PDB file of N, CA and C in Angstrom:
ATOM      1  N   MET A   1       0.959  -1.092  -0.133  1.00  0.00           N
ATOM      2  CA  MET A   1       0.054  -0.094   0.114  1.00  0.00           C
ATOM      3  C   MET A   1       1.096   1.200  -0.194  1.00  0.00           C
ATOM      4  N   ARG A   2       1.229   2.263  -0.233  1.00  0.00           N
ATOM      5  CA  ARG A   2       0.802   2.952  -0.921  1.00  0.00           C
ATOM      6  C   ARG A   2       0.567   4.317  -0.291  1.00  0.00           C
ATOM      7  N   PHE A   3       0.957   5.827   0.183  1.00  0.00           N
ATOM      8  CA  PHE A   3      -0.437   6.456   0.954  1.00  0.00           C
ATOM      9  C   PHE A   3       1.484   7.928   0.369  1.00  0.00           C
ATOM     10  N   PRO A   4       0.229   8.858   0.751  1.00  0.00           N
ATOM     11  CA  PRO A   4       1.205  10.749   0.531  1.00  0.00           C
ATOM     12  C   PRO A   4       1.913  10.398   1.487  1.00  0.00           C
ATOM     13  N   ARG A   5       2.735  10.498   1.111  1.00  0.00           N
ATOM     14  CA  ARG A   5       4.268  11.671   2.141  1.00  0.00           C
ATOM     15  C   ARG A   5       3.640  12.320   3.425  1.00  0.00           C
ATOM     16  N   ALA A   6       2.384  13.684   2.819  1.00  0.00           N
ATOM     17  CA  ALA A   6       2.492  13.963   4.419  1.00  0.00           C
ATOM     18  C   ALA A   6       1.195  13.262   5.542  1.00  0.00           C
ATOM     19  N   GLU A   7       0.594  12.377   4.479  1.00  0.00           N
ATOM     20  CA  GLU A   7      -0.050  11.373   5.605  1.00  0.00           C
ATOM     21  C   GLU A   7       0.414  10.725   6.654  1.00  0.00           C
ATOM     22  N   PHE A   8       1.540  10.471   5.421  1.00  0.00           N
ATOM     23  CA  PHE A   8       2.421   9.713   6.655  1.00  0.00           C
ATOM     24  C   PHE A   8       3.219  10.213   7.698  1.00  0.00           C
ATOM     25  N   GLN A   9       3.815  11.729   7.369  1.00  0.00           N
ATOM     26  CA  GLN A   9       4.115  12.417   8.619  1.00  0.00           C
ATOM     27  C   GLN A   9       2.659  12.133   9.086  1.00  0.00           C
ATOM     28  N   ARG A  10       2.222  12.419   9.410  1.00  0.00           N
ATOM     29  CA  ARG A  10       0.951  13.367  10.138  1.00  0.00           C
ATOM     30  C   ARG A  10       0.855  11.602  11.347  1.00  0.00           C
ATOM     31  N   LEU A  11       0.738  10.477  10.768  1.00  0.00           N
ATOM     32  CA  LEU A  11       1.147   9.454  10.981  1.00  0.00           C
ATOM     33  C   LEU A  11       1.975   9.259  12.093  1.00  0.00           C
ATOM     34  N   ALA A  12       3.362   8.948  11.841  1.00  0.00           N
ATOM     35  CA  ALA A  12       4.740   9.268  12.235  1.00  0.00           C
ATOM     36  C   ALA A  12       4.731  10.358  13.703  1.00  0.00           C
ATOM     37  N   GLU A  13       4.403  11.303  13.120  1.00  0.00           N
ATOM     38  CA  GLU A  13       3.872  12.548  14.629  1.00  0.00           C
ATOM     39  C   GLU A  13       2.610  12.140  15.280  1.00  0.00           C
ATOM     40  N   ALA A  14       1.634  11.759  15.255  1.00  0.00           N
ATOM     41  CA  ALA A  14       0.917  11.074  15.794  1.00  0.00           C
ATOM     42  C   ALA A  14       1.207  10.386  16.551  1.00  0.00           C
ATOM     43  N   GLU A  15       1.255   9.303  16.429  1.00  0.00           N
ATOM     44  CA  GLU A  15       2.310   7.646  16.893  1.00  0.00           C
ATOM     45  C   GLU A  15       2.828   8.212  18.394  1.00  0.00           C
ATOM     46  N   LEU A  16       3.951   9.368  17.607  1.00  0.00           N
ATOM     47  CA  LEU A  16       5.650   9.650  17.970  1.00  0.00           C
ATOM     48  C   LEU A  16       4.560  10.313  19.842  1.00  0.00           C
ATOM     49  N   ALA A  17       3.952  11.231  19.590  1.00  0.00           N
ATOM     50  CA  ALA A  17       3.428  11.979  20.538  1.00  0.00           C
ATOM     51  C   ALA A  17       2.157  10.816  21.394  1.00  0.00           C
ATOM     52  N   ALA A  18       1.988  10.066  21.106  1.00  0.00           N
ATOM     53  CA  ALA A  18       1.433   9.099  21.724  1.00  0.00           C
ATOM     54  C   ALA A  18       2.283   8.251  22.732  1.00  0.00           C
ATOM     55  N   ILE A  19       3.352   7.978  22.316  1.00  0.00           N
ATOM     56  CA  ILE A  19       4.468   8.260  23.513  1.00  0.00           C
ATOM     57  C   ILE A  19       4.161   8.454  24.600  1.00  0.00           C
ATOM     58  N   PRO A  20       4.179   7.013  25.745  1.00  0.00           N
ATOM     59  CA  PRO A  20       3.720   7.896  27.438  1.00  0.00           C
ATOM     60  C   PRO A  20       4.755   9.378  27.459  1.00  0.00           C
ATOM     61  N   GLN A  21       4.582   9.810  28.162  1.00  0.00           N
ATOM     62  CA  GLN A  21       4.820  11.364  28.109  1.00  0.00           C
ATOM     63  C   GLN A  21       5.994  11.154  29.548  1.00  0.00           C
ATOM     64  N   ASP A  22       6.403  10.225  29.978  1.00  0.00           N
ATOM     65  CA  ASP A  22       7.092  10.239  30.940  1.00  0.00           C
ATOM     66  C   ASP A  22       8.893   9.838  30.131  1.00  0.00           C
ATOM     67  N   PHE A  23       8.350   9.022  28.754  1.00  0.00           N
ATOM     68  CA  PHE A  23       9.306   9.145  28.008  1.00  0.00           C
ATOM     69  C   PHE A  23       9.235  10.449  26.754  1.00  0.00           C
ATOM     70  N   LEU A  24       8.994  11.109  26.582  1.00  0.00           N
ATOM     71  CA  LEU A  24       9.188  11.799  26.210  1.00  0.00           C
ATOM     72  C   LEU A  24       9.722  12.938  26.442  1.00  0.00           C
ATOM     73  N   LYS A  25       9.585  13.085  27.756  1.00  0.00           N
ATOM     74  CA  LYS A  25      10.104  14.282  28.535  1.00  0.00           C
ATOM     75  C   LYS A  25      11.433  14.407  28.255  1.00  0.00           C
ATOM     76  N   LEU A  26      12.366  13.271  27.892  1.00  0.00           N
ATOM     77  CA  LEU A  26      13.000  12.714  29.090  1.00  0.00           C
ATOM     78  C   LEU A  26      13.854  12.593  27.260  1.00  0.00           C
ATOM     79  N   PHE A  27      13.406  12.645  25.237  1.00  0.00           N
ATOM     80  CA  PHE A  27      14.383  13.381  24.739  1.00  0.00           C
ATOM     81  C   PHE A  27      14.722  14.444  24.823  1.00  0.00           C
ATOM     82  N   HIS A  28      16.215  14.025  24.160  1.00  0.00           N
ATOM     83  CA  HIS A  28      17.196  14.920  24.295  1.00  0.00           C
ATOM     84  C   HIS A  28      17.459  14.948  22.965  1.00  0.00           C
ATOM     85  N   ASN A  29      17.875  16.525  22.665  1.00  0.00           N
ATOM     86  CA  ASN A  29      18.548  16.765  21.209  1.00  0.00           C
ATOM     87  C   ASN A  29      18.817  15.718  19.405  1.00  0.00           C
ATOM     88  N   LEU A  30      16.846  15.988  19.370  1.00  0.00           N
ATOM     89  CA  LEU A  30      16.353  14.226  18.505  1.00  0.00           C
ATOM     90  C   LEU A  30      15.469  15.002  17.845  1.00  0.00           C
ATOM     91  N   SER A  31      15.924  14.252  16.250  1.00  0.00           N
ATOM     92  CA  SER A  31      15.050  14.434  15.498  1.00  0.00           C
ATOM     93  C   SER A  31      14.092  13.726  14.409  1.00  0.00           C
ATOM     94  N   ILE A  32      13.092  14.115  14.228  1.00  0.00           N
ATOM     95  CA  ILE A  32      12.678  12.766  13.068  1.00  0.00           C
ATOM     96  C   ILE A  32      12.130  13.148  12.090  1.00  0.00           C
ATOM     97  N   GLU A  33      12.875  12.327  11.250  1.00  0.00           N
ATOM     98  CA  GLU A  33      13.071  12.072  10.163  1.00  0.00           C
ATOM     99  C   GLU A  33      11.740  11.098   9.109  1.00  0.00           C
ATOM    100  N   VAL A  34      10.868  11.037   8.490  1.00  0.00           N
ATOM    101  CA  VAL A  34      10.868  10.926   7.264  1.00  0.00           C
ATOM    102  C   VAL A  34      11.713  10.202   6.053  1.00  0.00           C
ATOM    103  N   ARG A  35      11.398   9.636   5.321  1.00  0.00           N
ATOM    104  CA  ARG A  35      12.612  10.197   3.804  1.00  0.00           C
ATOM    105  C   ARG A  35      11.611   8.616   2.996  1.00  0.00           C
ATOM    106  N   ALA A  36      11.730   8.495   1.439  1.00  0.00           N
ATOM    107  CA  ALA A  36      11.433   7.665   0.675  1.00  0.00           C
ATOM    108  C   ALA A  36      12.388   5.625   1.238  1.00  0.00           C
ATOM    109  N   LEU A  37      12.984   6.422   1.082  1.00  0.00           N
ATOM    110  CA  LEU A  37      13.724   4.396   1.140  1.00  0.00           C
ATOM    111  C   LEU A  37      15.380   5.805   1.858  1.00  0.00           C
ATOM    112  N   PRO A  38      15.917   4.307   2.232  1.00  0.00           N
ATOM    113  CA  PRO A  38      17.809   4.480   3.086  1.00  0.00           C
ATOM    114  C   PRO A  38      18.975   5.202   1.603  1.00  0.00           C
ATOM    115  N   GLY A  39      19.299   6.077   2.072  1.00  0.00           N
ATOM    116  CA  GLY A  39      20.289   6.872   1.449  1.00  0.00           C
ATOM    117  C   GLY A  39      21.761   6.743   2.158  1.00  0.00           C
ATOM    118  N   ARG A  40      22.238   7.500   1.460  1.00  0.00           N
ATOM    119  CA  ARG A  40      23.430   7.311   2.274  1.00  0.00           C
ATOM    120  C   ARG A  40      24.088   7.880   2.943  1.00  0.00           C
ATOM    121  N   GLU A  41      23.446   7.742   4.166  1.00  0.00           N
ATOM    122  CA  GLU A  41      23.259   8.637   5.577  1.00  0.00           C
ATOM    123  C   GLU A  41      22.787   6.367   6.493  1.00  0.00           C
ATOM    124  N   ALA A  42      22.836   5.553   5.307  1.00  0.00           N
ATOM    125  CA  ALA A  42      22.268   4.358   5.789  1.00  0.00           C
ATOM    126  C   ALA A  42      23.558   3.437   5.782  1.00  0.00           C
ATOM    127  N   GLY A  43      24.794   3.905   5.398  1.00  0.00           N
ATOM    128  CA  GLY A  43      25.846   3.123   5.064  1.00  0.00           C
ATOM    129  C   GLY A  43      25.728   2.122   4.567  1.00  0.00           C
ATOM    130  N   ARG A  44      25.806   0.925   4.532  1.00  0.00           N
ATOM    131  CA  ARG A  44      25.993  -0.703   4.420  1.00  0.00           C
ATOM    132  C   ARG A  44      24.913  -0.943   4.001  1.00  0.00           C
ATOM    133  N   TRP A  45      23.325   0.121   4.403  1.00  0.00           N
ATOM    134  CA  TRP A  45      22.248  -0.550   3.771  1.00  0.00           C
ATOM    135  C   TRP A  45      21.623   0.668   3.099  1.00  0.00           C
ATOM    136  N   LYS A  46      22.253   1.054   3.208  1.00  0.00           N
ATOM    137  CA  LYS A  46      22.275   1.944   1.607  1.00  0.00           C
ATOM    138  C   LYS A  46      20.979   1.632   0.714  1.00  0.00           C
ATOM    139  N   GLY A  47      19.860   1.890   0.147  1.00  0.00           N
ATOM    140  CA  GLY A  47      18.605   1.256  -0.603  1.00  0.00           C
ATOM    141  C   GLY A  47      18.656  -0.183  -0.180  1.00  0.00           C
ATOM    142  N   SER A  48      18.829  -0.046   0.388  1.00  0.00           N
ATOM    143  CA  SER A  48      17.997  -1.584   1.449  1.00  0.00           C
ATOM    144  C   SER A  48      16.494  -1.638   1.452  1.00  0.00           C
ATOM    145  N   ARG A  49      15.813  -2.670   1.479  1.00  0.00           N
ATOM    146  CA  ARG A  49      14.628  -2.886   1.706  1.00  0.00           C
ATOM    147  C   ARG A  49      13.557  -3.253   2.299  1.00  0.00           C
ATOM    148  N   THR A  50      14.451  -3.499   3.976  1.00  0.00           N
ATOM    149  CA  THR A  50      13.647  -4.384   4.263  1.00  0.00           C
ATOM    150  C   THR A  50      13.787  -2.715   5.386  1.00  0.00           C
ATOM    151  N   LEU A  51      15.397  -2.520   5.099  1.00  0.00           N
ATOM    152  CA  LEU A  51      15.346  -1.563   6.723  1.00  0.00           C
ATOM    153  C   LEU A  51      14.363  -0.271   6.753  1.00  0.00           C
ATOM    154  N   LEU A  52      13.647  -0.731   7.819  1.00  0.00           N
ATOM    155  CA  LEU A  52      12.206   0.348   8.657  1.00  0.00           C
ATOM    156  C   LEU A  52      12.780   1.921   8.818  1.00  0.00           C
ATOM    157  N   GLY A  53      13.681   1.991   9.661  1.00  0.00           N
ATOM    158  CA  GLY A  53      14.286   2.638  10.160  1.00  0.00           C
ATOM    159  C   GLY A  53      15.504   2.982  10.803  1.00  0.00           C
ATOM    160  N   LEU A  54      15.993   3.981  11.100  1.00  0.00           N
ATOM    161  CA  LEU A  54      17.557   4.167  11.631  1.00  0.00           C
ATOM    162  C   LEU A  54      17.827   5.336  13.114  1.00  0.00           C
ATOM    163  N   TYR A  55      18.752   4.800  13.378  1.00  0.00           N
ATOM    164  CA  TYR A  55      18.985   5.643  14.644  1.00  0.00           C
ATOM    165  C   TYR A  55      20.126   6.450  14.667  1.00  0.00           C
ATOM    166  N   LEU A  56      20.599   7.701  14.014  1.00  0.00           N
ATOM    167  CA  LEU A  56      21.323   8.506  13.949  1.00  0.00           C
ATOM    168  C   LEU A  56      22.036   8.866  15.048  1.00  0.00           C
ATOM    169  N   GLY A  57      23.384   8.553  15.852  1.00  0.00           N
ATOM    170  CA  GLY A  57      23.652   9.740  16.902  1.00  0.00           C
ATOM    171  C   GLY A  57      24.309   9.325  18.394  1.00  0.00           C
ATOM    172  N   LEU A  58      24.283   9.985  18.854  1.00  0.00           N
ATOM    173  CA  LEU A  58      24.549   9.393  20.244  1.00  0.00           C
ATOM    174  C   LEU A  58      23.797   9.300  20.795  1.00  0.00           C
ATOM    175  N   SER A  59      23.340   8.051  22.014  1.00  0.00           N
ATOM    176  CA  SER A  59      22.396   7.340  23.259  1.00  0.00           C
ATOM    177  C   SER A  59      22.349   9.052  23.989  1.00  0.00           C
ATOM    178  N   ARG A  60      21.602   9.257  24.598  1.00  0.00           N
ATOM    179  CA  ARG A  60      20.138  10.098  25.628  1.00  0.00           C
ATOM    180  C   ARG A  60      21.532  10.151  26.587  1.00  0.00           C
ATOM    181  N   SER A  61      22.403   9.401  27.331  1.00  0.00           N
ATOM    182  CA  SER A  61      23.310   9.211  28.312  1.00  0.00           C
ATOM    183  C   SER A  61      25.232   9.395  27.727  1.00  0.00           C
ATOM    184  N   GLU A  62      24.582   9.166  27.060  1.00  0.00           N
ATOM    185  CA  GLU A  62      26.612   9.539  25.865  1.00  0.00           C
ATOM    186  C   GLU A  62      26.294  10.902  25.608  1.00  0.00           C
ATOM    187  N   MET A  63      24.634  11.551  25.158  1.00  0.00           N
ATOM    188  CA  MET A  63      25.112  13.151  25.182  1.00  0.00           C
ATOM    189  C   MET A  63      24.968  13.677  26.260  1.00  0.00           C
ATOM    190  N   ALA A  64      24.556  12.775  27.758  1.00  0.00           N
ATOM    191  CA  ALA A  64      24.507  13.691  28.726  1.00  0.00           C
ATOM    192  C   ALA A  64      25.848  13.633  29.714  1.00  0.00           C
ATOM    193  N   SER A  65      26.831  12.957  28.924  1.00  0.00           N
ATOM    194  CA  SER A  65      28.259  12.922  29.248  1.00  0.00           C
ATOM    195  C   SER A  65      28.662  13.777  28.893  1.00  0.00           C
ATOM    196  N   PRO A  66      29.783  14.569  30.282  1.00  0.00           N
ATOM    197  CA  PRO A  66      30.816  14.987  29.804  1.00  0.00           C
ATOM    198  C   PRO A  66      32.165  15.483  29.116  1.00  0.00           C
ATOM    199  N   TYR A  67      32.185  13.777  28.426  1.00  0.00           N
ATOM    200  CA  TYR A  67      33.776  14.257  27.674  1.00  0.00           C
ATOM    201  C   TYR A  67      32.502  13.176  25.951  1.00  0.00           C
ATOM    202  N   ALA A  68      31.023  13.988  26.068  1.00  0.00           N
ATOM    203  CA  ALA A  68      30.911  13.968  25.020  1.00  0.00           C
ATOM    204  C   ALA A  68      31.425  15.347  23.373  1.00  0.00           C
ATOM    205  N   GLY A  69      31.804  16.229  24.596  1.00  0.00           N
ATOM    206  CA  GLY A  69      31.747  17.675  24.036  1.00  0.00           C
ATOM    207  C   GLY A  69      30.240  18.213  22.784  1.00  0.00           C
ATOM    208  N   THR A  70      31.139  18.934  22.028  1.00  0.00           N
ATOM    209  CA  THR A  70      29.576  19.365  20.969  1.00  0.00           C
ATOM    210  C   THR A  70      29.576  17.951  20.187  1.00  0.00           C
ATOM    211  N   TYR A  71      27.995  17.755  19.690  1.00  0.00           N
ATOM    212  CA  TYR A  71      27.625  16.777  18.708  1.00  0.00           C
ATOM    213  C   TYR A  71      26.076  17.103  18.268  1.00  0.00           C
ATOM    214  N   GLN A  72      26.230  16.340  16.854  1.00  0.00           N
ATOM    215  CA  GLN A  72      24.802  16.650  15.864  1.00  0.00           C
ATOM    216  C   GLN A  72      23.233  16.277  16.824  1.00  0.00           C
ATOM    217  N   PRO A  73      22.373  16.050  16.552  1.00  0.00           N
ATOM    218  CA  PRO A  73      21.667  16.512  16.963  1.00  0.00           C
ATOM    219  C   PRO A  73      20.667  14.279  16.622  1.00  0.00           C
ATOM    220  N   ALA A  74      20.743  13.755  17.229  1.00  0.00           N
ATOM    221  CA  ALA A  74      20.666  12.425  17.578  1.00  0.00           C
ATOM    222  C   ALA A  74      19.362  12.874  16.267  1.00  0.00           C
ATOM    223  N   ARG A  75      19.050  11.722  15.058  1.00  0.00           N
ATOM    224  CA  ARG A  75      18.120  11.667  14.170  1.00  0.00           C
ATOM    225  C   ARG A  75      17.920   9.935  14.303  1.00  0.00           C
ATOM    226  N   ILE A  76      16.399  10.291  14.464  1.00  0.00           N
ATOM    227  CA  ILE A  76      15.257   9.101  14.273  1.00  0.00           C
ATOM    228  C   ILE A  76      15.468   8.997  12.712  1.00  0.00           C
ATOM    229  N   ILE A  77      15.219   8.061  11.852  1.00  0.00           N
ATOM    230  CA  ILE A  77      15.070   8.127   9.953  1.00  0.00           C
ATOM    231  C   ILE A  77      13.833   7.409   9.982  1.00  0.00           C
ATOM    232  N   LEU A  78      12.365   8.266   9.284  1.00  0.00           N
ATOM    233  CA  LEU A  78      11.590   6.496   9.632  1.00  0.00           C
ATOM    234  C   LEU A  78      11.542   6.414   7.299  1.00  0.00           C
ATOM    235  N   TYR A  79      11.607   4.897   7.510  1.00  0.00           N
ATOM    236  CA  TYR A  79      12.220   3.951   6.028  1.00  0.00           C
ATOM    237  C   TYR A  79      10.886   4.258   4.700  1.00  0.00           C
ATOM    238  N   GLN A  80       9.308   5.233   4.840  1.00  0.00           N
ATOM    239  CA  GLN A  80       8.024   5.251   4.211  1.00  0.00           C
ATOM    240  C   GLN A  80       7.968   3.903   3.516  1.00  0.00           C
ATOM    241  N   ARG A  81       8.758   3.765   1.769  1.00  0.00           N
ATOM    242  CA  ARG A  81       8.421   2.882   1.113  1.00  0.00           C
ATOM    243  C   ARG A  81       8.516   1.654   1.299  1.00  0.00           C
ATOM    244  N   ASN A  82       9.879   1.480   2.440  1.00  0.00           N
ATOM    245  CA  ASN A  82       9.922   0.359   3.316  1.00  0.00           C
ATOM    246  C   ASN A  82       9.037  -0.622   5.140  1.00  0.00           C
ATOM    247  N   ILE A  83       8.612   0.470   4.906  1.00  0.00           N
ATOM    248  CA  ILE A  83       7.954   0.326   5.665  1.00  0.00           C
ATOM    249  C   ILE A  83       6.050   0.104   5.340  1.00  0.00           C
ATOM    250  N   GLU A  84       5.838   1.443   4.357  1.00  0.00           N
ATOM    251  CA  GLU A  84       4.233   0.496   3.164  1.00  0.00           C
ATOM    252  C   GLU A  84       4.417  -1.028   2.897  1.00  0.00           C
ATOM    253  N   SER A  85       5.657  -1.266   2.498  1.00  0.00           N
ATOM    254  CA  SER A  85       5.778  -2.352   1.836  1.00  0.00           C
ATOM    255  C   SER A  85       5.670  -3.818   2.898  1.00  0.00           C
ATOM    256  N   LEU A  86       4.990  -3.626   4.105  1.00  0.00           N
ATOM    257  CA  LEU A  86       4.748  -4.605   4.661  1.00  0.00           C
ATOM    258  C   LEU A  86       3.074  -4.207   5.437  1.00  0.00           C
ATOM    259  N   CYS A  87       3.031  -3.709   4.992  1.00  0.00           N
ATOM    260  CA  CYS A  87       1.458  -3.697   4.484  1.00  0.00           C
ATOM    261  C   CYS A  87      -0.098  -3.488   4.225  1.00  0.00           C
ATOM    262  N   ARG A  88      -0.842  -4.430   4.483  1.00  0.00           N
ATOM    263  CA  ARG A  88      -1.337  -5.369   3.569  1.00  0.00           C
ATOM    264  C   ARG A  88      -2.847  -4.440   4.210  1.00  0.00           C
ATOM    265  N   ALA A  89      -3.544  -3.765   4.666  1.00  0.00           N
ATOM    266  CA  ALA A  89      -4.142  -2.968   5.237  1.00  0.00           C
ATOM    267  C   ALA A  89      -3.763  -1.661   5.944  1.00  0.00           C
ATOM    268  N   PRO A  90      -5.408  -0.507   5.502  1.00  0.00           N
ATOM    269  CA  PRO A  90      -4.571   1.069   5.871  1.00  0.00           C
ATOM    270  C   PRO A  90      -3.902   0.486   7.356  1.00  0.00           C
ATOM    271  N   GLY A  91      -4.853   0.313   8.070  1.00  0.00           N
ATOM    272  CA  GLY A  91      -4.723  -0.306  10.323  1.00  0.00           C
ATOM    273  C   GLY A  91      -3.188  -0.545  10.344  1.00  0.00           C
ATOM    274  N   ASP A  92      -2.728  -1.393   9.382  1.00  0.00           N
ATOM    275  CA  ASP A  92      -1.311  -2.309   8.925  1.00  0.00           C
ATOM    276  C   ASP A  92      -0.397  -0.625   9.750  1.00  0.00           C
ATOM    277  N   LEU A  93      -0.556   0.295   8.671  1.00  0.00           N
ATOM    278  CA  LEU A  93       0.714   1.152   8.661  1.00  0.00           C
ATOM    279  C   LEU A  93       1.089   1.813   9.380  1.00  0.00           C
ATOM    280  N   ARG A  94      -0.540   1.682  10.388  1.00  0.00           N
ATOM    281  CA  ARG A  94       0.028   2.707  12.105  1.00  0.00           C
ATOM    282  C   ARG A  94       0.375   1.937  13.157  1.00  0.00           C
ATOM    283  N   VAL A  95      -0.136  -0.043  13.164  1.00  0.00           N
ATOM    284  CA  VAL A  95       1.167   0.013  13.756  1.00  0.00           C
ATOM    285  C   VAL A  95       2.723  -0.941  13.138  1.00  0.00           C
ATOM    286  N   GLN A  96       2.847  -0.659  12.681  1.00  0.00           N
ATOM    287  CA  GLN A  96       4.177  -0.892  11.711  1.00  0.00           C
ATOM    288  C   GLN A  96       4.756   0.484  11.819  1.00  0.00           C
ATOM    289  N   VAL A  97       4.356   2.078  11.971  1.00  0.00           N
ATOM    290  CA  VAL A  97       4.657   3.203  12.520  1.00  0.00           C
ATOM    291  C   VAL A  97       5.577   3.283  13.474  1.00  0.00           C
ATOM    292  N   ARG A  98       4.482   2.770  14.326  1.00  0.00           N
ATOM    293  CA  ARG A  98       4.381   2.551  16.170  1.00  0.00           C
ATOM    294  C   ARG A  98       5.429   2.199  16.382  1.00  0.00           C
ATOM    295  N   ARG A  99       5.163   0.129  15.838  1.00  0.00           N
ATOM    296  CA  ARG A  99       6.747  -0.490  16.588  1.00  0.00           C
ATOM    297  C   ARG A  99       8.162   0.291  15.663  1.00  0.00           C
ATOM    298  N   THR A 100       7.994   0.704  14.611  1.00  0.00           N
ATOM    299  CA  THR A 100       9.632   0.818  13.644  1.00  0.00           C
ATOM    300  C   THR A 100       9.390   2.040  14.952  1.00  0.00           C
ATOM    301  N   LEU A 101       8.767   2.880  15.064  1.00  0.00           N
ATOM    302  CA  LEU A 101       9.453   4.609  15.338  1.00  0.00           C
ATOM    303  C   LEU A 101       9.934   4.114  17.546  1.00  0.00           C
ATOM    304  N   ARG A 102       8.525   2.887  18.048  1.00  0.00           N
ATOM    305  CA  ARG A 102       9.990   2.387  18.938  1.00  0.00           C
ATOM    306  C   ARG A 102      11.088   1.504  19.439  1.00  0.00           C
ATOM    307  N   HIS A 103      10.816   0.800  18.268  1.00  0.00           N
ATOM    308  CA  HIS A 103      12.158   0.652  18.312  1.00  0.00           C
ATOM    309  C   HIS A 103      13.393   1.472  18.412  1.00  0.00           C
ATOM    310  N   GLU A 104      13.266   2.088  17.534  1.00  0.00           N
ATOM    311  CA  GLU A 104      14.116   3.678  17.410  1.00  0.00           C
ATOM    312  C   GLU A 104      14.924   4.405  18.821  1.00  0.00           C
ATOM    313  N   VAL A 105      14.392   5.107  18.983  1.00  0.00           N
ATOM    314  CA  VAL A 105      13.905   5.151  20.957  1.00  0.00           C
ATOM    315  C   VAL A 105      14.093   4.729  21.415  1.00  0.00           C
ATOM    316  N   ALA A 106      14.275   3.589  21.024  1.00  0.00           N
ATOM    317  CA  ALA A 106      14.511   2.679  22.115  1.00  0.00           C
ATOM    318  C   ALA A 106      15.966   2.593  22.096  1.00  0.00           C
ATOM    319  N   HIS A 107      16.644   2.568  20.907  1.00  0.00           N
ATOM    320  CA  HIS A 107      18.292   2.975  20.943  1.00  0.00           C
ATOM    321  C   HIS A 107      18.711   5.262  21.109  1.00  0.00           C
ATOM    322  N   HIS A 108      17.411   5.670  21.191  1.00  0.00           N
ATOM    323  CA  HIS A 108      17.708   6.988  21.839  1.00  0.00           C
ATOM    324  C   HIS A 108      18.283   6.467  23.385  1.00  0.00           C
ATOM    325  N   PHE A 109      17.685   5.584  24.082  1.00  0.00           N
ATOM    326  CA  PHE A 109      17.738   5.400  25.188  1.00  0.00           C
ATOM    327  C   PHE A 109      19.038   4.201  25.747  1.00  0.00           C
ATOM    328  N   GLY A 110      19.638   4.130  25.164  1.00  0.00           N
ATOM    329  CA  GLY A 110      21.021   3.528  24.789  1.00  0.00           C
ATOM    330  C   GLY A 110      20.921   1.786  24.201  1.00  0.00           C
ATOM    331  N   PHE A 111      19.021   1.235  23.859  1.00  0.00           N
ATOM    332  CA  PHE A 111      18.976  -0.014  23.547  1.00  0.00           C
ATOM    333  C   PHE A 111      20.344  -0.892  22.538  1.00  0.00           C
ATOM    334  N   GLY A 112      20.735  -1.874  23.138  1.00  0.00           N
ATOM    335  CA  GLY A 112      21.334  -2.202  21.205  1.00  0.00           C
ATOM    336  C   GLY A 112      20.267  -3.252  20.542  1.00  0.00           C
ATOM    337  N   GLU A 113      20.147  -3.812  19.218  1.00  0.00           N
ATOM    338  CA  GLU A 113      19.356  -4.123  18.774  1.00  0.00           C
ATOM    339  C   GLU A 113      19.565  -6.418  19.838  1.00  0.00           C
ATOM    340  N   GLU A 114      20.767  -6.515  20.521  1.00  0.00           N
ATOM    341  CA  GLU A 114      19.831  -7.500  21.078  1.00  0.00           C
ATOM    342  C   GLU A 114      19.084  -7.300  22.745  1.00  0.00           C
ATOM    343  N   ASP A 115      19.200  -6.506  22.768  1.00  0.00           N
ATOM    344  CA  ASP A 115      19.237  -5.910  23.747  1.00  0.00           C
ATOM    345  C   ASP A 115      17.350  -5.255  23.687  1.00  0.00           C
ATOM    346  N   ILE A 116      16.495  -5.434  22.560  1.00  0.00           N
ATOM    347  CA  ILE A 116      15.430  -4.608  22.026  1.00  0.00           C
ATOM    348  C   ILE A 116      14.979  -6.235  21.107  1.00  0.00           C
ATOM    349  N   ARG A 117      15.598  -7.510  20.842  1.00  0.00           N
ATOM    350  CA  ARG A 117      14.764  -8.311  20.858  1.00  0.00           C
ATOM    351  C   ARG A 117      14.192  -9.423  22.290  1.00  0.00           C
ATOM    352  N   ARG A 118      15.082  -8.985  23.658  1.00  0.00           N
ATOM    353  CA  ARG A 118      15.041  -9.680  24.463  1.00  0.00           C
ATOM    354  C   ARG A 118      14.098  -9.271  25.897  1.00  0.00           C
ATOM    355  N   ALA A 119      13.634  -7.765  25.188  1.00  0.00           N
ATOM    356  CA  ALA A 119      12.889  -7.406  26.179  1.00  0.00           C
ATOM    357  C   ALA A 119      11.713  -7.458  25.878  1.00  0.00           C
ATOM    358  N   TRP A 120      11.823  -6.646  23.991  1.00  0.00           N
ATOM    359  CA  TRP A 120      10.383  -6.391  23.290  1.00  0.00           C
ATOM    360  C   TRP A 120      11.108  -7.414  22.432  1.00  0.00           C
ATOM    361  N   PRO A 121      10.514  -8.678  21.908  1.00  0.00           N
ATOM    362  CA  PRO A 121      10.468  -9.248  20.659  1.00  0.00           C
ATOM    363  C   PRO A 121       9.512  -8.914  19.564  1.00  0.00           C
ATOM    364  N   GLU A 122       8.268  -8.328  19.668  1.00  0.00           N
ATOM    365  CA  GLU A 122       7.946  -8.328  19.153  1.00  0.00           C
ATOM    366  C   GLU A 122       7.749  -6.971  18.580  1.00  0.00           C
ATOM    367  N   GLY A 123       9.008  -5.893  18.771  1.00  0.00           N
ATOM    368  CA  GLY A 123       9.319  -4.733  18.384  1.00  0.00           C
ATOM    369  C   GLY A 123      10.996  -5.062  17.482  1.00  0.00           C
ATOM    370  N   ALA A 124      11.287  -6.281  17.747  1.00  0.00           N
ATOM    371  CA  ALA A 124      12.605  -6.052  17.291  1.00  0.00           C
ATOM    372  C   ALA A 124      13.147  -5.926  15.419  1.00  0.00           C
ATOM    373  N   SER A 125      12.186  -5.800  15.019  1.00  0.00           N
ATOM    374  CA  SER A 125      12.121  -5.734  13.501  1.00  0.00           C
ATOM    375  C   SER A 125      11.822  -4.386  13.103  1.00  0.00           C
ATOM    376  N   GLY A 126      12.414  -3.748  13.824  1.00  0.00           N
ATOM    377  CA  GLY A 126      12.048  -2.270  13.588  1.00  0.00           C
ATOM    378  C   GLY A 126      12.735  -1.416  12.719  1.00  0.00           C
TER     379      GLY A 126
END
């Protein structure tokens, strides 16, 4: 299924706002973007049809370290076409955007892939 970029962006913003307030207030120097497909920022995953999202930057705890110095904002990138490719019905999009966004947010809080698989198996393929 394909959705207009503006609709996808609104859905991503709504799912971000639905994250529990206790977590939202802990976000530090974080931006969220939507792109059609992985580009140069994805490194070895450039052009991947399976990469749904990407977290770039330091984790929240690394940002707070006195040794962090100056740094760019951390970024969560959602790859619209790859997420859409998993959706068979309109309701699937909301579920997949939520899962992918929360997977990438877990990276912001310092969780690695193994940590996510262990603690949240259904969200491990974010």
